[in-house]
Each structure stands twice: as structure tokens, then as C-alpha cells.
């Protein structure tokens, strides 16, 4: 499939280069599973090898300490993991939201599969919403994602989305992300995760109060440049000429986004403020940062280096109002 995003479904505006199946609002979990390409399961089998002997085909042997995970539909191999690895099925990620959508007012907005099935996610709107100055609206979401190749624990993350540009930012308070992580060495207990998340979701007002203080903190030119340098230019990278060139391009881009070229940069909450600095970085990471394709950008923005850059931006922005 184009851009390597294996499959995806969404409600509302088409994200990420208009890939995926658009759905009407309030569809069932079964419909989401079909349209998001998550109606298959992860199967497992012991690792086997052939012990060759001279003049014969040899014997097929099993290595019981590891197992191969593969898709039930295509039989494509996904990964080789320890025999203690606890699998979370694609349908389980969607089922996590069943009672949240039926009882608690959540609404699924996107779900899909990355890297041929090695990662999958679902993102739901929580119903929380705050408007900063100039009607700069920020909505609350809950992202649940996992992998079957050991690259990502099953992770539930309270997330904000700035409506004007669809930038995402993980909710963090006191320097700590509010994500709940379940390693694959233990079984995934959806209800236990929801109980833990109850505290994080109720901290929406506290987090958005801090975003409001950012929107009221005017910044000077030297402050904006220092902010972007701290966020984008790590000292350990400065010995690499290619890294320095990449950093220079990034600095020019985020400065332009902050100076009025970013989506929503003209709104009162963002214009010349610490909130504008943070929004310029999140827009850069989510939509502008160089990536091999849309899949890699999404993977990085939510789970990889891009998410770390956004967290660093949040930490630096909060220091401006501390």
C-alpha cells in the first residue's frame, strides 16, 4: 500500500496523506476491526531448524526457548520472540474501547496497522475539550498501541490534539508522562489499565491549565531561538556535520512555523507565546519532519524520536513559566 501504512480507518477528516477507509461516526468495534485491517489474529509456533546430516535431508528440530509470531490471514512472519512473550491481539486493542465508547462517551477516531502488522493502534476522543485564547481548541484523546516484535510495550497514553493543525502531544505532569505501560513479559489486563488511567484522565484540567499559562507567556526573539536550540540540537550530535545540517534545516523550519507560517500561528494563544513555541515543534514533528514515508513519520511522532522531541519541547516550554 502507498506510503507503507498497512491499513487504517478513520472518522472525520482524513489524516496522514488521506490514506485509509473513512467511516461514519459511532461504528461498532466489528466494523472498525474490518475497515482498519485488524480482523486477524497473531498465531505462534516454535522456532524450527533443520539439522543436516551428510547424504540426507536431516532432521527438523525445535528450539523451544523462542517462537515465531505470524499473521493468521496471510501467514506472514511478524517476529521471533521469547517463549515467555505475551501476545496482545489486534482485536484486543479495539475491544479495550468497547465499554468506553458505549458507556463513557468516548468515540474512536482512528485505528490501524503499521509495518505489516508488527504495530497497531487505536485513538479515541475522550470528550474533554478546552479552548485557549482566539478559539484555539485542544481536545482530549486516549491512544492505545502495542507491538508484536518487542519494540513497544502495550501503552495507553492520554493525548491532546490541537484541532487547527491536528498536532498531537502526550499529556505529562510534573515532568512525567501519564502513559500506562504493560510489558510483554506480563499479560495485558484491560480493566486494570483503565483503573490506572482513571487518574490520568482526570488530570486533564490540570494539564490544560498549564497550557493556558503557556498561551499567556509572551516570549522574546532570543528566548524563542534558545528554546528551539535546546529542543532540536543535542550536544552529542554536534560533532557530526550531517547532523548539524539537519539541525539547521529544522531550526529554520520551526522558526518559520512560529513566525506565522504554521497552522494556527496567527491565533492569539500562539502568536509570540510559549504555547506557539510548543505548537511549532509539534507541527514540525507530526507534519514536516523528514521521514522515509508517512508510516515512519507517524511511528516516530507517536512512539520514537519524534515523541521524545515533543516531550523535550513540553519540558522546555514549562520551564518558561515555572
C-alpha atoms as a PDB file:
ATOM      1  CA  UNK A   1       0.000   0.000   0.000  1.00  0.00           C
ATOM      2  CA  UNK A   2       1.193   3.538  -0.724  1.00  0.00           C
ATOM      3  CA  UNK A   3       3.350   5.118   1.997  1.00  0.00           C
ATOM      4  CA  UNK A   4       3.694   1.757   3.769  1.00  0.00           C
ATOM      5  CA  UNK A   5       0.874   2.336   6.269  1.00  0.00           C
ATOM      6  CA  UNK A   6      -0.506  -1.158   6.087  1.00  0.00           C
ATOM      7  CA  UNK A   7      -4.156  -0.341   6.803  1.00  0.00           C
ATOM      8  CA  UNK A   8      -6.168   2.289   8.634  1.00  0.00           C
ATOM      9  CA  UNK A   9      -9.703   3.529   9.247  1.00  0.00           C
ATOM     10  CA  UNK A  10     -10.772   6.956  10.432  1.00  0.00           C
ATOM     11  CA  UNK A  11     -13.763   9.127  11.265  1.00  0.00           C
ATOM     12  CA  UNK A  12     -13.922  12.740  10.098  1.00  0.00           C
ATOM     13  CA  UNK A  13     -11.034  14.484   8.377  1.00  0.00           C
ATOM     14  CA  UNK A  14      -8.606  12.218   6.548  1.00  0.00           C
ATOM     15  CA  UNK A  15      -5.203  12.195   8.310  1.00  0.00           C
ATOM     16  CA  UNK A  16      -1.748  11.264   7.019  1.00  0.00           C
ATOM     17  CA  UNK A  17      -1.987  11.815   3.259  1.00  0.00           C
ATOM     18  CA  UNK A  18      -5.635  10.727   3.051  1.00  0.00           C
ATOM     19  CA  UNK A  19      -4.873   7.050   3.491  1.00  0.00           C
ATOM     20  CA  UNK A  20      -7.361   4.580   4.897  1.00  0.00           C
ATOM     21  CA  UNK A  21     -11.100   3.925   4.956  1.00  0.00           C
ATOM     22  CA  UNK A  22     -13.384   6.733   6.060  1.00  0.00           C
ATOM     23  CA  UNK A  23     -16.168   5.600   8.381  1.00  0.00           C
ATOM     24  CA  UNK A  24     -19.377   7.265   9.575  1.00  0.00           C
ATOM     25  CA  UNK A  25     -19.343   8.134  13.288  1.00  0.00           C
ATOM     26  CA  UNK A  26     -20.254   5.623  16.008  1.00  0.00           C
ATOM     27  CA  UNK A  27     -19.450   2.387  14.191  1.00  0.00           C
ATOM     28  CA  UNK A  28     -19.277  -0.929  16.024  1.00  0.00           C
ATOM     29  CA  UNK A  29     -15.999  -2.491  17.128  1.00  0.00           C
ATOM     30  CA  UNK A  30     -16.510  -5.216  14.499  1.00  0.00           C
ATOM     31  CA  UNK A  31     -16.771  -2.640  11.706  1.00  0.00           C
ATOM     32  CA  UNK A  32     -13.640  -0.907  12.970  1.00  0.00           C
ATOM     33  CA  UNK A  33     -11.775  -4.222  13.013  1.00  0.00           C
ATOM     34  CA  UNK A  34     -12.698  -4.917   9.397  1.00  0.00           C
ATOM     35  CA  UNK A  35     -12.057  -1.444   7.964  1.00  0.00           C
ATOM     36  CA  UNK A  36      -8.881  -0.807   9.967  1.00  0.00           C
ATOM     37  CA  UNK A  37      -7.417  -4.136   8.833  1.00  0.00           C
ATOM     38  CA  UNK A  38      -7.347  -5.507  12.383  1.00  0.00           C
ATOM     39  CA  UNK A  39      -9.656  -8.523  11.901  1.00  0.00           C
ATOM     40  CA  UNK A  40      -6.866 -11.092  12.014  1.00  0.00           C
ATOM     41  CA  UNK A  41      -5.002 -12.719  14.879  1.00  0.00           C
ATOM     42  CA  UNK A  42      -1.400 -13.378  15.805  1.00  0.00           C
ATOM     43  CA  UNK A  43      -0.523 -17.066  15.706  1.00  0.00           C
ATOM     44  CA  UNK A  44       2.585 -18.653  17.167  1.00  0.00           C
ATOM     45  CA  UNK A  45       4.727 -21.693  16.506  1.00  0.00           C
ATOM     46  CA  UNK A  46       8.055 -22.933  17.925  1.00  0.00           C
ATOM     47  CA  UNK A  47      11.221 -21.981  16.093  1.00  0.00           C
ATOM     48  CA  UNK A  48      12.300 -24.950  13.995  1.00  0.00           C
ATOM     49  CA  UNK A  49      15.546 -25.684  12.171  1.00  0.00           C
ATOM     50  CA  UNK A  50      16.939 -28.460  10.036  1.00  0.00           C
ATOM     51  CA  UNK A  51      19.900 -30.382  11.440  1.00  0.00           C
ATOM     52  CA  UNK A  52      21.537 -31.610   8.251  1.00  0.00           C
ATOM     53  CA  UNK A  53      23.406 -34.858   8.055  1.00  0.00           C
ATOM     54  CA  UNK A  54      25.788 -35.980   5.319  1.00  0.00           C
ATOM     55  CA  UNK A  55      23.883 -37.554   2.445  1.00  0.00           C
ATOM     56  CA  UNK A  56      20.429 -36.846   3.862  1.00  0.00           C
ATOM     57  CA  UNK A  57      17.929 -34.067   4.392  1.00  0.00           C
ATOM     58  CA  UNK A  58      18.466 -34.189   8.120  1.00  0.00           C
ATOM     59  CA  UNK A  59      16.012 -33.849  10.977  1.00  0.00           C
ATOM     60  CA  UNK A  60      13.649 -30.978  11.760  1.00  0.00           C
ATOM     61  CA  UNK A  61      14.367 -29.824  15.299  1.00  0.00           C
ATOM     62  CA  UNK A  62      12.577 -27.385  17.610  1.00  0.00           C
ATOM     63  CA  UNK A  63      14.127 -24.555  19.618  1.00  0.00           C
ATOM     64  CA  UNK A  64      11.613 -24.264  22.421  1.00  0.00           C
ATOM     65  CA  UNK A  65      13.057 -21.122  24.029  1.00  0.00           C
ATOM     66  CA  UNK A  66      11.718 -18.965  21.191  1.00  0.00           C
ATOM     67  CA  UNK A  67       8.658 -18.808  18.964  1.00  0.00           C
ATOM     68  CA  UNK A  68       7.695 -17.317  15.635  1.00  0.00           C
ATOM     69  CA  UNK A  69       4.683 -14.992  15.536  1.00  0.00           C
ATOM     70  CA  UNK A  70       2.771 -14.814  12.258  1.00  0.00           C
ATOM     71  CA  UNK A  71      -0.479 -13.468  10.837  1.00  0.00           C
ATOM     72  CA  UNK A  72      -3.483 -15.782  10.688  1.00  0.00           C
ATOM     73  CA  UNK A  73      -4.670 -14.327   7.373  1.00  0.00           C
ATOM     74  CA  UNK A  74      -1.534 -14.044   5.224  1.00  0.00           C
ATOM     75  CA  UNK A  75       0.709 -16.412   7.237  1.00  0.00           C
ATOM     76  CA  UNK A  76       3.395 -13.686   7.009  1.00  0.00           C
ATOM     77  CA  UNK A  77       6.022 -13.882   9.740  1.00  0.00           C
ATOM     78  CA  UNK A  78       5.963 -10.948  12.152  1.00  0.00           C
ATOM     79  CA  UNK A  79       8.796 -11.615  14.604  1.00  0.00           C
ATOM     80  CA  UNK A  80      10.769 -14.131  16.625  1.00  0.00           C
ATOM     81  CA  UNK A  81      10.297 -13.667  20.374  1.00  0.00           C
ATOM     82  CA  UNK A  82      10.917 -15.435  23.664  1.00  0.00           C
ATOM     83  CA  UNK A  83       8.561 -18.259  24.569  1.00  0.00           C
ATOM     84  CA  UNK A  84       7.542 -16.079  27.562  1.00  0.00           C
ATOM     85  CA  UNK A  85       6.374 -13.239  25.301  1.00  0.00           C
ATOM     86  CA  UNK A  86       2.730 -12.350  25.999  1.00  0.00           C
ATOM     87  CA  UNK A  87       0.884 -11.526  22.775  1.00  0.00           C
ATOM     88  CA  UNK A  88      -1.763  -8.792  22.577  1.00  0.00           C
ATOM     89  CA  UNK A  89      -4.112  -9.349  19.645  1.00  0.00           C
ATOM     90  CA  UNK A  90      -5.201  -6.553  17.250  1.00  0.00           C
ATOM     91  CA  UNK A  91      -8.843  -7.081  18.218  1.00  0.00           C
ATOM     92  CA  UNK A  92      -7.922  -6.654  21.911  1.00  0.00           C
ATOM     93  CA  UNK A  93      -6.748  -3.103  21.202  1.00  0.00           C
ATOM     94  CA  UNK A  94     -10.171  -2.252  19.763  1.00  0.00           C
ATOM     95  CA  UNK A  95     -12.065  -4.182  22.449  1.00  0.00           C
ATOM     96  CA  UNK A  96     -10.321  -2.013  25.047  1.00  0.00           C
ATOM     97  CA  UNK A  97     -12.593   0.827  23.893  1.00  0.00           C
ATOM     98  CA  UNK A  98     -15.876  -1.088  23.788  1.00  0.00           C
ATOM     99  CA  UNK A  99     -17.230  -0.026  27.180  1.00  0.00           C
ATOM    100  CA  UNK A 100     -15.533   3.380  26.901  1.00  0.00           C
ATOM    101  CA  UNK A 101     -17.457   4.107  23.696  1.00  0.00           C
ATOM    102  CA  UNK A 102     -20.732   2.510  24.809  1.00  0.00           C
ATOM    103  CA  UNK A 103     -20.867   3.936  28.344  1.00  0.00           C
ATOM    104  CA  UNK A 104     -18.273   6.652  28.905  1.00  0.00           C
ATOM    105  CA  UNK A 105     -18.784   8.849  25.837  1.00  0.00           C
ATOM    106  CA  UNK A 106     -15.510   8.054  24.079  1.00  0.00           C
ATOM    107  CA  UNK A 107     -15.507   7.888  20.268  1.00  0.00           C
ATOM    108  CA  UNK A 108     -12.976   6.029  18.144  1.00  0.00           C
ATOM    109  CA  UNK A 109     -11.374   8.326  15.599  1.00  0.00           C
ATOM    110  CA  UNK A 110      -8.517   6.357  14.013  1.00  0.00           C
ATOM    111  CA  UNK A 111      -7.200   2.806  14.179  1.00  0.00           C
ATOM    112  CA  UNK A 112      -4.757   0.911  12.070  1.00  0.00           C
ATOM    113  CA  UNK A 113      -1.764  -1.299  11.460  1.00  0.00           C
ATOM    114  CA  UNK A 114       1.865  -0.330  10.890  1.00  0.00           C
ATOM    115  CA  UNK A 115       4.801  -2.261   9.479  1.00  0.00           C
ATOM    116  CA  UNK A 116       2.814  -5.156   8.075  1.00  0.00           C
ATOM    117  CA  UNK A 117       1.201  -5.946  11.422  1.00  0.00           C
ATOM    118  CA  UNK A 118       4.120  -5.548  13.800  1.00  0.00           C
ATOM    119  CA  UNK A 119       2.481  -2.481  15.415  1.00  0.00           C
ATOM    120  CA  UNK A 120      -1.173  -1.493  15.711  1.00  0.00           C
ATOM    121  CA  UNK A 121      -3.121   1.222  17.485  1.00  0.00           C
ATOM    122  CA  UNK A 122      -6.465   2.874  18.121  1.00  0.00           C
ATOM    123  CA  UNK A 123      -7.093   6.513  19.059  1.00  0.00           C
ATOM    124  CA  UNK A 124     -10.338   7.668  20.674  1.00  0.00           C
ATOM    125  CA  UNK A 125     -11.693  11.101  21.572  1.00  0.00           C
ATOM    126  CA  UNK A 126     -12.494  11.323  25.292  1.00  0.00           C
ATOM    127  CA  UNK A 127     -14.975  14.204  25.119  1.00  0.00           C
ATOM    128  CA  UNK A 128     -12.663  16.554  27.025  1.00  0.00           C
ATOM    129  CA  UNK A 129     -12.115  19.892  25.285  1.00  0.00           C
ATOM    130  CA  UNK A 130     -10.561  23.269  26.132  1.00  0.00           C
ATOM    131  CA  UNK A 131     -10.418  26.499  24.109  1.00  0.00           C
ATOM    132  CA  UNK A 132      -7.417  28.775  24.581  1.00  0.00           C
ATOM    133  CA  UNK A 133      -7.386  32.441  23.536  1.00  0.00           C
ATOM    134  CA  UNK A 134      -8.619  33.075  20.000  1.00  0.00           C
ATOM    135  CA  UNK A 135     -10.634  29.851  19.977  1.00  0.00           C
ATOM    136  CA  UNK A 136      -7.507  27.676  19.792  1.00  0.00           C
ATOM    137  CA  UNK A 137      -9.269  24.396  20.615  1.00  0.00           C
ATOM    138  CA  UNK A 138      -7.481  21.434  22.177  1.00  0.00           C
ATOM    139  CA  UNK A 139      -9.263  18.082  22.542  1.00  0.00           C
ATOM    140  CA  UNK A 140      -8.502  15.103  24.743  1.00  0.00           C
ATOM    141  CA  UNK A 141      -7.774  11.648  23.320  1.00  0.00           C
ATOM    142  CA  UNK A 142      -6.663   8.242  24.502  1.00  0.00           C
ATOM    143  CA  UNK A 143      -4.141   6.314  22.416  1.00  0.00           C
ATOM    144  CA  UNK A 144      -3.657   2.572  22.897  1.00  0.00           C
ATOM    145  CA  UNK A 145      -0.868   0.937  20.933  1.00  0.00           C
ATOM    146  CA  UNK A 146       1.219  -2.211  21.042  1.00  0.00           C
ATOM    147  CA  UNK A 147       3.678  -4.265  19.029  1.00  0.00           C
ATOM    148  CA  UNK A 148       4.372  -7.932  18.482  1.00  0.00           C
ATOM    149  CA  UNK A 149       8.098  -7.565  17.833  1.00  0.00           C
ATOM    150  CA  UNK A 150       9.244  -6.266  21.219  1.00  0.00           C
ATOM    151  CA  UNK A 151       9.717  -2.655  20.074  1.00  0.00           C
ATOM    152  CA  UNK A 152       6.787  -1.261  22.067  1.00  0.00           C
ATOM    153  CA  UNK A 153       5.090  -2.288  25.294  1.00  0.00           C
ATOM    154  CA  UNK A 154       1.304  -2.168  25.267  1.00  0.00           C
ATOM    155  CA  UNK A 155       0.904   1.531  26.046  1.00  0.00           C
ATOM    156  CA  UNK A 156      -2.164   3.621  26.896  1.00  0.00           C
ATOM    157  CA  UNK A 157      -1.397   7.327  26.554  1.00  0.00           C
ATOM    158  CA  UNK A 158      -3.670  10.301  27.337  1.00  0.00           C
ATOM    159  CA  UNK A 159      -3.035  12.600  24.385  1.00  0.00           C
ATOM    160  CA  UNK A 160      -4.057  16.079  23.279  1.00  0.00           C
ATOM    161  CA  UNK A 161      -4.823  17.109  19.720  1.00  0.00           C
ATOM    162  CA  UNK A 162      -4.736  20.762  18.690  1.00  0.00           C
ATOM    163  CA  UNK A 163      -7.673  20.969  16.309  1.00  0.00           C
ATOM    164  CA  UNK A 164      -6.389  23.695  13.980  1.00  0.00           C
ATOM    165  CA  UNK A 165      -3.396  21.620  12.879  1.00  0.00           C
ATOM    166  CA  UNK A 166      -4.085  18.126  14.256  1.00  0.00           C
ATOM    167  CA  UNK A 167      -0.818  18.172  16.221  1.00  0.00           C
ATOM    168  CA  UNK A 168      -0.546  15.547  18.953  1.00  0.00           C
ATOM    169  CA  UNK A 169       1.068  15.847  22.370  1.00  0.00           C
ATOM    170  CA  UNK A 170       1.160  13.315  25.186  1.00  0.00           C
ATOM    171  CA  UNK A 171      -0.231  14.570  28.479  1.00  0.00           C
ATOM    172  CA  UNK A 172       2.547  14.977  31.030  1.00  0.00           C
ATOM    173  CA  UNK A 173       2.547  16.487  34.503  1.00  0.00           C
ATOM    174  CA  UNK A 174       5.496  17.238  36.776  1.00  0.00           C
ATOM    175  CA  UNK A 175       7.914  16.061  34.109  1.00  0.00           C
ATOM    176  CA  UNK A 176       6.357  12.593  33.822  1.00  0.00           C
ATOM    177  CA  UNK A 177       4.212  11.242  31.003  1.00  0.00           C
ATOM    178  CA  UNK A 178       0.855   9.870  32.125  1.00  0.00           C
ATOM    179  CA  UNK A 179       1.178   6.771  29.922  1.00  0.00           C
ATOM    180  CA  UNK A 180       0.420   3.332  31.355  1.00  0.00           C
ATOM    181  CA  UNK A 181       2.816   0.683  30.006  1.00  0.00           C
ATOM    182  CA  UNK A 182       2.326  -3.074  30.186  1.00  0.00           C
ATOM    183  CA  UNK A 183       5.458  -5.017  29.169  1.00  0.00           C
ATOM    184  CA  UNK A 184       5.028  -8.126  27.059  1.00  0.00           C
ATOM    185  CA  UNK A 185       6.534 -10.182  29.872  1.00  0.00           C
ATOM    186  CA  UNK A 186       3.149  -9.907  31.630  1.00  0.00           C
ATOM    187  CA  UNK A 187      -0.403 -10.425  30.420  1.00  0.00           C
ATOM    188  CA  UNK A 188      -2.430  -7.387  29.365  1.00  0.00           C
ATOM    189  CA  UNK A 189      -5.298  -6.708  31.795  1.00  0.00           C
ATOM    190  CA  UNK A 190      -7.505  -4.107  30.097  1.00  0.00           C
ATOM    191  CA  UNK A 191      -9.626  -3.359  33.157  1.00  0.00           C
ATOM    192  CA  UNK A 192      -6.571  -2.836  35.371  1.00  0.00           C
ATOM    193  CA  UNK A 193      -5.150  -0.397  32.825  1.00  0.00           C
ATOM    194  CA  UNK A 194      -8.444   1.511  32.743  1.00  0.00           C
ATOM    195  CA  UNK A 195      -8.429   1.790  36.518  1.00  0.00           C
ATOM    196  CA  UNK A 196      -4.935   3.264  36.389  1.00  0.00           C
ATOM    197  CA  UNK A 197      -5.912   5.587  33.556  1.00  0.00           C
ATOM    198  CA  UNK A 198      -8.811   6.941  35.567  1.00  0.00           C
ATOM    199  CA  UNK A 199      -6.367   9.108  37.486  1.00  0.00           C
ATOM    200  CA  UNK A 200      -4.560  10.289  34.355  1.00  0.00           C
ATOM    201  CA  UNK A 201      -7.755  11.235  32.514  1.00  0.00           C
ATOM    202  CA  UNK A 202      -8.980  13.290  35.461  1.00  0.00           C
ATOM    203  CA  UNK A 203      -5.768  15.322  35.273  1.00  0.00           C
ATOM    204  CA  UNK A 204      -6.900  16.918  32.006  1.00  0.00           C
ATOM    205  CA  UNK A 205      -7.895  20.185  33.725  1.00  0.00           C
ATOM    206  CA  UNK A 206      -4.536  20.464  35.468  1.00  0.00           C
ATOM    207  CA  UNK A 207      -2.635  19.856  32.235  1.00  0.00           C
ATOM    208  CA  UNK A 208      -4.719  22.317  30.235  1.00  0.00           C
ATOM    209  CA  UNK A 209      -4.305  24.958  32.950  1.00  0.00           C
ATOM    210  CA  UNK A 210      -0.578  24.710  32.290  1.00  0.00           C
ATOM    211  CA  UNK A 211      -1.163  25.026  28.540  1.00  0.00           C
ATOM    212  CA  UNK A 212      -3.194  28.163  29.278  1.00  0.00           C
ATOM    213  CA  UNK A 213      -0.266  29.635  31.196  1.00  0.00           C
ATOM    214  CA  UNK A 214       1.923  28.917  28.158  1.00  0.00           C
ATOM    215  CA  UNK A 215      -0.534  30.810  25.947  1.00  0.00           C
ATOM    216  CA  UNK A 216      -0.229  33.856  28.224  1.00  0.00           C
ATOM    217  CA  UNK A 217       3.582  33.830  28.380  1.00  0.00           C
ATOM    218  CA  UNK A 218       4.967  36.170  25.722  1.00  0.00           C
ATOM    219  CA  UNK A 219       8.477  35.283  24.502  1.00  0.00           C
ATOM    220  CA  UNK A 220      11.243  37.444  23.095  1.00  0.00           C
ATOM    221  CA  UNK A 221      13.245  36.677  19.970  1.00  0.00           C
ATOM    222  CA  UNK A 222      16.298  35.394  21.856  1.00  0.00           C
ATOM    223  CA  UNK A 223      14.057  33.202  24.022  1.00  0.00           C
ATOM    224  CA  UNK A 224      12.496  31.532  21.005  1.00  0.00           C
ATOM    225  CA  UNK A 225      15.893  30.793  19.461  1.00  0.00           C
ATOM    226  CA  UNK A 226      17.238  29.403  22.739  1.00  0.00           C
ATOM    227  CA  UNK A 227      14.109  27.260  23.060  1.00  0.00           C
ATOM    228  CA  UNK A 228      14.484  25.716  19.603  1.00  0.00           C
ATOM    229  CA  UNK A 229      18.228  25.151  20.129  1.00  0.00           C
ATOM    230  CA  UNK A 230      17.601  23.257  23.370  1.00  0.00           C
ATOM    231  CA  UNK A 231      14.828  21.161  21.827  1.00  0.00           C
ATOM    232  CA  UNK A 232      16.331  20.318  18.443  1.00  0.00           C
ATOM    233  CA  UNK A 233      20.115  20.497  18.840  1.00  0.00           C
ATOM    234  CA  UNK A 234      21.510  17.921  21.207  1.00  0.00           C
ATOM    235  CA  UNK A 235      25.210  18.462  22.133  1.00  0.00           C
ATOM    236  CA  UNK A 236      26.168  14.861  21.346  1.00  0.00           C
ATOM    237  CA  UNK A 237      25.122  15.371  17.711  1.00  0.00           C
ATOM    238  CA  UNK A 238      27.181  18.477  17.055  1.00  0.00           C
ATOM    239  CA  UNK A 239      30.331  16.551  16.023  1.00  0.00           C
ATOM    240  CA  UNK A 240      28.503  15.109  13.014  1.00  0.00           C
ATOM    241  CA  UNK A 241      28.390  17.556  10.047  1.00  0.00           C
ATOM    242  CA  UNK A 242      25.273  15.856   8.646  1.00  0.00           C
ATOM    243  CA  UNK A 243      23.512  16.203  11.992  1.00  0.00           C
ATOM    244  CA  UNK A 244      24.439  19.882  12.151  1.00  0.00           C
ATOM    245  CA  UNK A 245      22.989  20.440   8.672  1.00  0.00           C
ATOM    246  CA  UNK A 246      19.799  18.601   9.633  1.00  0.00           C
ATOM    247  CA  UNK A 247      19.549  20.702  12.780  1.00  0.00           C
ATOM    248  CA  UNK A 248      19.977  23.921  10.797  1.00  0.00           C
ATOM    249  CA  UNK A 249      17.153  22.951   8.451  1.00  0.00           C
ATOM    250  CA  UNK A 250      14.956  22.001  11.410  1.00  0.00           C
ATOM    251  CA  UNK A 251      15.685  25.278  13.196  1.00  0.00           C
ATOM    252  CA  UNK A 252      14.756  27.327  10.137  1.00  0.00           C
ATOM    253  CA  UNK A 253      11.559  25.344   9.681  1.00  0.00           C
ATOM    254  CA  UNK A 254      10.289  25.589  13.259  1.00  0.00           C
ATOM    255  CA  UNK A 255      11.210  29.277  13.431  1.00  0.00           C
ATOM    256  CA  UNK A 256       9.160  29.883  10.266  1.00  0.00           C
ATOM    257  CA  UNK A 257       6.237  27.930  11.702  1.00  0.00           C
ATOM    258  CA  UNK A 258       6.419  30.005  14.891  1.00  0.00           C
ATOM    259  CA  UNK A 259       6.770  33.289  12.982  1.00  0.00           C
ATOM    260  CA  UNK A 260       3.393  32.900  11.277  1.00  0.00           C
ATOM    261  CA  UNK A 261       3.719  30.138   8.696  1.00  0.00           C
ATOM    262  CA  UNK A 262       2.405  27.381  10.964  1.00  0.00           C
ATOM    263  CA  UNK A 263      -1.236  26.348  11.049  1.00  0.00           C
ATOM    264  CA  UNK A 264      -2.861  28.383  13.805  1.00  0.00           C
ATOM    265  CA  UNK A 265       0.263  30.509  14.364  1.00  0.00           C
ATOM    266  CA  UNK A 266      -1.852  33.639  13.918  1.00  0.00           C
ATOM    267  CA  UNK A 267      -4.234  32.738  16.753  1.00  0.00           C
ATOM    268  CA  UNK A 268      -3.986  34.839  19.909  1.00  0.00           C
ATOM    269  CA  UNK A 269      -2.948  31.886  22.084  1.00  0.00           C
ATOM    270  CA  UNK A 270       0.023  31.045  19.841  1.00  0.00           C
ATOM    271  CA  UNK A 271       1.225  34.357  18.415  1.00  0.00           C
ATOM    272  CA  UNK A 272       4.530  35.171  20.089  1.00  0.00           C
ATOM    273  CA  UNK A 273       3.887  32.892  23.087  1.00  0.00           C
ATOM    274  CA  UNK A 274       5.353  29.819  24.747  1.00  0.00           C
ATOM    275  CA  UNK A 275       2.306  27.879  23.513  1.00  0.00           C
ATOM    276  CA  UNK A 276       3.250  28.976  19.999  1.00  0.00           C
ATOM    277  CA  UNK A 277       6.779  27.636  20.506  1.00  0.00           C
ATOM    278  CA  UNK A 278       5.440  24.265  21.635  1.00  0.00           C
ATOM    279  CA  UNK A 279       2.912  24.159  18.788  1.00  0.00           C
ATOM    280  CA  UNK A 280       5.608  24.923  16.205  1.00  0.00           C
ATOM    281  CA  UNK A 281       7.623  21.921  17.374  1.00  0.00           C
ATOM    282  CA  UNK A 282       4.643  19.552  17.473  1.00  0.00           C
ATOM    283  CA  UNK A 283       3.580  20.632  13.978  1.00  0.00           C
ATOM    284  CA  UNK A 284       7.127  20.148  12.702  1.00  0.00           C
ATOM    285  CA  UNK A 285       7.378  16.639  14.188  1.00  0.00           C
ATOM    286  CA  UNK A 286       3.897  15.499  13.140  1.00  0.00           C
ATOM    287  CA  UNK A 287       3.747  17.010   9.648  1.00  0.00           C
ATOM    288  CA  UNK A 288       7.051  18.489   8.428  1.00  0.00           C
ATOM    289  CA  UNK A 289       9.973  16.478   9.779  1.00  0.00           C
ATOM    290  CA  UNK A 290      11.853  14.483   7.179  1.00  0.00           C
ATOM    291  CA  UNK A 291      10.809  10.856   7.048  1.00  0.00           C
ATOM    292  CA  UNK A 292      11.010   7.999   4.578  1.00  0.00           C
ATOM    293  CA  UNK A 293       7.223   7.969   4.265  1.00  0.00           C
ATOM    294  CA  UNK A 294       4.047   8.718   6.220  1.00  0.00           C
ATOM    295  CA  UNK A 295       4.290   5.489   8.201  1.00  0.00           C
ATOM    296  CA  UNK A 296       7.753   6.306   9.510  1.00  0.00           C
ATOM    297  CA  UNK A 297       6.713   9.846  10.440  1.00  0.00           C
ATOM    298  CA  UNK A 298       3.687   8.578  12.374  1.00  0.00           C
ATOM    299  CA  UNK A 299       5.709   5.861  14.085  1.00  0.00           C
ATOM    300  CA  UNK A 300       8.351   8.392  15.133  1.00  0.00           C
ATOM    301  CA  UNK A 301       5.857  11.078  16.208  1.00  0.00           C
ATOM    302  CA  UNK A 302       3.958   8.697  18.487  1.00  0.00           C
ATOM    303  CA  UNK A 303       6.494   6.093  19.574  1.00  0.00           C
ATOM    304  CA  UNK A 304      10.019   7.100  18.539  1.00  0.00           C
ATOM    305  CA  UNK A 305      12.418  10.010  18.342  1.00  0.00           C
ATOM    306  CA  UNK A 306       9.681  12.428  17.330  1.00  0.00           C
ATOM    307  CA  UNK A 307       7.778  11.758  20.551  1.00  0.00           C
ATOM    308  CA  UNK A 308      10.965  12.440  22.537  1.00  0.00           C
ATOM    309  CA  UNK A 309      11.421  15.774  20.742  1.00  0.00           C
ATOM    310  CA  UNK A 310       7.851  16.775  21.609  1.00  0.00           C
ATOM    311  CA  UNK A 311       8.363  15.792  25.244  1.00  0.00           C
ATOM    312  CA  UNK A 312      11.563  17.847  25.337  1.00  0.00           C
ATOM    313  CA  UNK A 313       9.652  20.796  23.870  1.00  0.00           C
ATOM    314  CA  UNK A 314       6.973  20.492  26.543  1.00  0.00           C
ATOM    315  CA  UNK A 315       9.590  20.367  29.304  1.00  0.00           C
ATOM    316  CA  UNK A 316      11.376  23.446  27.943  1.00  0.00           C
ATOM    317  CA  UNK A 317       8.115  25.353  27.481  1.00  0.00           C
ATOM    318  CA  UNK A 318       7.032  24.660  31.056  1.00  0.00           C
ATOM    319  CA  UNK A 319      10.390  25.943  32.288  1.00  0.00           C
ATOM    320  CA  UNK A 320       9.495  29.312  30.741  1.00  0.00           C
ATOM    321  CA  UNK A 321       6.510  29.611  33.093  1.00  0.00           C
ATOM    322  CA  UNK A 322       7.968  27.967  36.193  1.00  0.00           C
END
